[in-house]
C-alpha atoms as a PDB file:
ATOM      1  CA  UNK A   1      -1.609  -3.534 -14.643  1.00  0.00           C
ATOM      2  CA  UNK A   2       0.566  -2.746 -17.614  1.00  0.00           C
ATOM      3  CA  UNK A   3       2.730  -5.508 -19.085  1.00  0.00           C
ATOM      4  CA  UNK A   4       5.363  -2.931 -20.125  1.00  0.00           C
ATOM      5  CA  UNK A   5       7.760  -3.559 -17.245  1.00  0.00           C
ATOM      6  CA  UNK A   6      11.529  -3.314 -17.630  1.00  0.00           C
ATOM      7  CA  UNK A   7      13.842  -6.282 -17.132  1.00  0.00           C
ATOM      8  CA  UNK A   8      14.857  -4.773 -13.776  1.00  0.00           C
ATOM      9  CA  UNK A   9      11.205  -4.737 -12.719  1.00  0.00           C
ATOM     10  CA  UNK A  10      10.737  -8.345 -13.827  1.00  0.00           C
ATOM     11  CA  UNK A  11      13.758  -9.426 -11.736  1.00  0.00           C
ATOM     12  CA  UNK A  12      12.612  -7.420  -8.697  1.00  0.00           C
ATOM     13  CA  UNK A  13      11.292  -9.329  -5.721  1.00  0.00           C
ATOM     14  CA  UNK A  14       7.948  -8.390  -4.202  1.00  0.00           C
ATOM     15  CA  UNK A  15       7.707  -9.965  -0.784  1.00  0.00           C
ATOM     16  CA  UNK A  16       5.843  -9.716   2.481  1.00  0.00           C
ATOM     17  CA  UNK A  17       7.240  -7.119   4.850  1.00  0.00           C
ATOM     18  CA  UNK A  18       9.053  -8.548   7.863  1.00  0.00           C
ATOM     19  CA  UNK A  19       9.961  -7.243  11.307  1.00  0.00           C
ATOM     20  CA  UNK A  20      13.494  -6.455  10.125  1.00  0.00           C
ATOM     21  CA  UNK A  21      11.969  -4.018   7.581  1.00  0.00           C
ATOM     22  CA  UNK A  22      10.511  -1.845  10.348  1.00  0.00           C
ATOM     23  CA  UNK A  23      13.584   0.429  10.443  1.00  0.00           C
ATOM     24  CA  UNK A  24      12.846   1.490   6.839  1.00  0.00           C
ATOM     25  CA  UNK A  25       9.051   1.457   7.080  1.00  0.00           C
ATOM     26  CA  UNK A  26       9.037   3.601  10.230  1.00  0.00           C
ATOM     27  CA  UNK A  27      10.008   6.637   8.130  1.00  0.00           C
ATOM     28  CA  UNK A  28       6.821   6.463   6.042  1.00  0.00           C
ATOM     29  CA  UNK A  29       4.454   5.446   8.848  1.00  0.00           C
ATOM     30  CA  UNK A  30       2.015   8.043  10.114  1.00  0.00           C
ATOM     31  CA  UNK A  31       0.919   8.728  13.643  1.00  0.00           C
ATOM     32  CA  UNK A  32       2.811   9.716  16.767  1.00  0.00           C
ATOM     33  CA  UNK A  33       6.491   8.688  16.605  1.00  0.00           C
ATOM     34  CA  UNK A  34       6.346   6.854  19.949  1.00  0.00           C
ATOM     35  CA  UNK A  35       3.675   4.435  18.691  1.00  0.00           C
ATOM     36  CA  UNK A  36       4.965   3.697  15.201  1.00  0.00           C
ATOM     37  CA  UNK A  37       7.077   0.628  15.961  1.00  0.00           C
ATOM     38  CA  UNK A  38       4.249  -0.997  17.907  1.00  0.00           C
ATOM     39  CA  UNK A  39       1.744  -0.119  15.186  1.00  0.00           C
ATOM     40  CA  UNK A  40       3.995  -1.624  12.497  1.00  0.00           C
ATOM     41  CA  UNK A  41       4.582  -4.813  14.484  1.00  0.00           C
ATOM     42  CA  UNK A  42       0.840  -5.274  14.887  1.00  0.00           C
ATOM     43  CA  UNK A  43       0.164  -4.509  11.245  1.00  0.00           C
ATOM     44  CA  UNK A  44       2.759  -7.021  10.050  1.00  0.00           C
ATOM     45  CA  UNK A  45       1.171  -9.868  11.998  1.00  0.00           C
ATOM     46  CA  UNK A  46      -2.561  -9.183  11.613  1.00  0.00           C
ATOM     47  CA  UNK A  47      -4.624 -11.329   9.254  1.00  0.00           C
ATOM     48  CA  UNK A  48      -6.747  -8.297   8.327  1.00  0.00           C
ATOM     49  CA  UNK A  49      -3.935  -6.693   6.324  1.00  0.00           C
ATOM     50  CA  UNK A  50      -1.087  -7.427   3.950  1.00  0.00           C
ATOM     51  CA  UNK A  51       2.099  -5.371   3.720  1.00  0.00           C
ATOM     52  CA  UNK A  52       4.387  -6.021   0.752  1.00  0.00           C
ATOM     53  CA  UNK A  53       7.672  -4.397  -0.192  1.00  0.00           C
ATOM     54  CA  UNK A  54       9.750  -4.001  -3.342  1.00  0.00           C
ATOM     55  CA  UNK A  55      13.077  -5.648  -2.531  1.00  0.00           C
ATOM     56  CA  UNK A  56      15.982  -5.072  -4.893  1.00  0.00           C
ATOM     57  CA  UNK A  57      19.072  -6.883  -3.680  1.00  0.00           C
ATOM     58  CA  UNK A  58      18.228  -6.128  -0.041  1.00  0.00           C
ATOM     59  CA  UNK A  59      17.194  -2.513  -0.625  1.00  0.00           C
ATOM     60  CA  UNK A  60      13.559  -1.687   0.145  1.00  0.00           C
ATOM     61  CA  UNK A  61      12.355   0.521  -2.701  1.00  0.00           C
ATOM     62  CA  UNK A  62       8.591   0.605  -2.128  1.00  0.00           C
ATOM     63  CA  UNK A  63       5.696  -0.533   0.027  1.00  0.00           C
ATOM     64  CA  UNK A  64       2.000  -1.270  -0.274  1.00  0.00           C
ATOM     65  CA  UNK A  65      -0.347  -1.910   2.647  1.00  0.00           C
ATOM     66  CA  UNK A  66      -3.738  -3.475   1.951  1.00  0.00           C
ATOM     67  CA  UNK A  67      -6.512  -3.792   4.538  1.00  0.00           C
ATOM     68  CA  UNK A  68      -9.534  -6.066   4.216  1.00  0.00           C
ATOM     69  CA  UNK A  69     -13.028  -5.496   5.559  1.00  0.00           C
ATOM     70  CA  UNK A  70     -16.502  -6.930   5.100  1.00  0.00           C
ATOM     71  CA  UNK A  71     -18.932  -4.590   3.380  1.00  0.00           C
ATOM     72  CA  UNK A  72     -22.690  -4.661   3.645  1.00  0.00           C
ATOM     73  CA  UNK A  73     -22.961  -2.120   0.804  1.00  0.00           C
ATOM     74  CA  UNK A  74     -20.844  -4.228  -1.580  1.00  0.00           C
ATOM     75  CA  UNK A  75     -21.990  -7.616  -0.324  1.00  0.00           C
ATOM     76  CA  UNK A  76     -18.553  -9.071   0.313  1.00  0.00           C
ATOM     77  CA  UNK A  77     -14.943  -8.484   1.208  1.00  0.00           C
ATOM     78  CA  UNK A  78     -13.383  -5.165   0.171  1.00  0.00           C
ATOM     79  CA  UNK A  79      -9.654  -4.475  -0.161  1.00  0.00           C
ATOM     80  CA  UNK A  80      -8.373  -0.996   0.618  1.00  0.00           C
ATOM     81  CA  UNK A  81      -4.939   0.135  -0.483  1.00  0.00           C
ATOM     82  CA  UNK A  82      -4.076   2.036   2.674  1.00  0.00           C
ATOM     83  CA  UNK A  83      -0.608   3.080   1.593  1.00  0.00           C
ATOM     84  CA  UNK A  84       1.340   2.757  -1.638  1.00  0.00           C
ATOM     85  CA  UNK A  85       4.699   4.435  -2.081  1.00  0.00           C
ATOM     86  CA  UNK A  86       7.985   4.219  -3.913  1.00  0.00           C
ATOM     87  CA  UNK A  87      11.054   5.079  -1.867  1.00  0.00           C
ATOM     88  CA  UNK A  88      13.086   5.956  -4.949  1.00  0.00           C
ATOM     89  CA  UNK A  89      13.302   9.432  -6.479  1.00  0.00           C
ATOM     90  CA  UNK A  90      13.509   9.257 -10.291  1.00  0.00           C
ATOM     91  CA  UNK A  91      10.105   9.556 -11.996  1.00  0.00           C
ATOM     92  CA  UNK A  92      10.569   6.423 -14.121  1.00  0.00           C
ATOM     93  CA  UNK A  93      11.663   4.408 -11.057  1.00  0.00           C
ATOM     94  CA  UNK A  94       8.743   5.692  -8.990  1.00  0.00           C
ATOM     95  CA  UNK A  95       6.297   4.756 -11.753  1.00  0.00           C
ATOM     96  CA  UNK A  96       7.829   1.288 -12.088  1.00  0.00           C
ATOM     97  CA  UNK A  97       7.578   0.664  -8.335  1.00  0.00           C
ATOM     98  CA  UNK A  98       3.986   1.913  -8.167  1.00  0.00           C
ATOM     99  CA  UNK A  99       3.029  -0.368 -11.087  1.00  0.00           C
ATOM    100  CA  UNK A 100       4.539  -3.388  -9.313  1.00  0.00           C
ATOM    101  CA  UNK A 101       2.895  -2.529  -5.999  1.00  0.00           C
ATOM    102  CA  UNK A 102      -0.539  -1.843  -7.501  1.00  0.00           C
ATOM    103  CA  UNK A 103      -0.381  -5.148  -9.403  1.00  0.00           C
ATOM    104  CA  UNK A 104       0.555  -6.885  -6.140  1.00  0.00           C
ATOM    105  CA  UNK A 105      -2.424  -5.284  -4.355  1.00  0.00           C
ATOM    106  CA  UNK A 106      -4.799  -6.406  -7.110  1.00  0.00           C
ATOM    107  CA  UNK A 107      -3.442  -9.980  -7.025  1.00  0.00           C
ATOM    108  CA  UNK A 108      -3.815 -10.117  -3.235  1.00  0.00           C
ATOM    109  CA  UNK A 109      -7.387  -8.775  -3.408  1.00  0.00           C
ATOM    110  CA  UNK A 110      -8.348 -11.382  -6.008  1.00  0.00           C
ATOM    111  CA  UNK A 111      -6.620 -14.156  -4.035  1.00  0.00           C
ATOM    112  CA  UNK A 112      -8.559 -13.146  -0.914  1.00  0.00           C
ATOM    113  CA  UNK A 113     -11.862 -13.241  -2.825  1.00  0.00           C
ATOM    114  CA  UNK A 114     -12.559  -9.514  -2.647  1.00  0.00           C
ATOM    115  CA  UNK A 115     -15.480  -8.087  -4.609  1.00  0.00           C
ATOM    116  CA  UNK A 116     -13.904  -4.612  -4.897  1.00  0.00           C
ATOM    117  CA  UNK A 117     -10.735  -2.663  -4.198  1.00  0.00           C
ATOM    118  CA  UNK A 118     -10.357   1.016  -3.338  1.00  0.00           C
ATOM    119  CA  UNK A 119      -7.565   3.427  -2.543  1.00  0.00           C
ATOM    120  CA  UNK A 120      -7.173   6.809  -0.940  1.00  0.00           C
ATOM    121  CA  UNK A 121      -5.124   8.671  -3.504  1.00  0.00           C
ATOM    122  CA  UNK A 122      -2.226  10.607  -2.015  1.00  0.00           C
ATOM    123  CA  UNK A 123      -0.193  11.702  -5.053  1.00  0.00           C
ATOM    124  CA  UNK A 124      -0.812  12.578  -8.714  1.00  0.00           C
ATOM    125  CA  UNK A 125       1.361   9.582  -9.728  1.00  0.00           C
ATOM    126  CA  UNK A 126      -0.888   7.182  -7.820  1.00  0.00           C
ATOM    127  CA  UNK A 127      -4.035   8.824  -9.211  1.00  0.00           C
ATOM    128  CA  UNK A 128      -2.768   8.544 -12.798  1.00  0.00           C
ATOM    129  CA  UNK A 129      -1.706   4.931 -12.343  1.00  0.00           C
ATOM    130  CA  UNK A 130      -5.040   3.902 -10.868  1.00  0.00           C
ATOM    131  CA  UNK A 131      -7.002   5.869 -13.486  1.00  0.00           C
ATOM    132  CA  UNK A 132      -5.045   4.061 -16.210  1.00  0.00           C
ATOM    133  CA  UNK A 133      -5.917   0.703 -14.647  1.00  0.00           C
ATOM    134  CA  UNK A 134      -9.680   0.961 -14.365  1.00  0.00           C
ATOM    135  CA  UNK A 135     -10.162   2.628 -10.997  1.00  0.00           C
ATOM    136  CA  UNK A 136     -12.976   5.184 -10.921  1.00  0.00           C
ATOM    137  CA  UNK A 137     -13.761   7.968  -8.487  1.00  0.00           C
ATOM    138  CA  UNK A 138     -16.104   6.665  -5.812  1.00  0.00           C
ATOM    139  CA  UNK A 139     -18.124   8.262  -3.050  1.00  0.00           C
ATOM    140  CA  UNK A 140     -16.507  11.071  -1.126  1.00  0.00           C
ATOM    141  CA  UNK A 141     -14.899   9.899   2.096  1.00  0.00           C
ATOM    142  CA  UNK A 142     -14.876  12.064   5.194  1.00  0.00           C
ATOM    143  CA  UNK A 143     -12.373  11.393   7.966  1.00  0.00           C
ATOM    144  CA  UNK A 144     -11.705  12.619  11.481  1.00  0.00           C
ATOM    145  CA  UNK A 145      -8.687  11.951  13.672  1.00  0.00           C
ATOM    146  CA  UNK A 146      -9.440  10.368  17.032  1.00  0.00           C
ATOM    147  CA  UNK A 147      -5.982  11.017  18.449  1.00  0.00           C
ATOM    148  CA  UNK A 148      -5.672  13.430  21.323  1.00  0.00           C
ATOM    149  CA  UNK A 149      -3.781  16.681  20.772  1.00  0.00           C
ATOM    150  CA  UNK A 150      -1.011  15.351  23.015  1.00  0.00           C
ATOM    151  CA  UNK A 151      -0.455  12.353  20.704  1.00  0.00           C
ATOM    152  CA  UNK A 152      -0.308  14.525  17.589  1.00  0.00           C
ATOM    153  CA  UNK A 153       2.008  17.160  19.129  1.00  0.00           C
END
């Protein structure tokens, strides 16, 4: 990731998400509202995922969730950035948070011994950041929800 981070970014703490962060993370978690707290609790304690937050003096300003899976096609462990988001609103702040979170995801993937990392791009800011840092478009991914209509309603 870029080394052009502000002093504020350098002083910012990136840490593992904790149970007490759930009240903030619940707002950006998908799925049926009734299952979000349980889903977050499980995600925060599983060994198959990492969830990190940008913590500025007790304020959560961003989050990245990384899942790990074995891949026959790639011959090793793959990291997937499942979610990456800044919770701030100014463009320069959002970019700074996304840079920090993407760098965190890359460090975690390397530390885990991953052979590749991928991400489902959700915003133009994320796409631009990843493009600038060596990510390339991969195979097209198709998805289908397995939730019942009652859960989604």
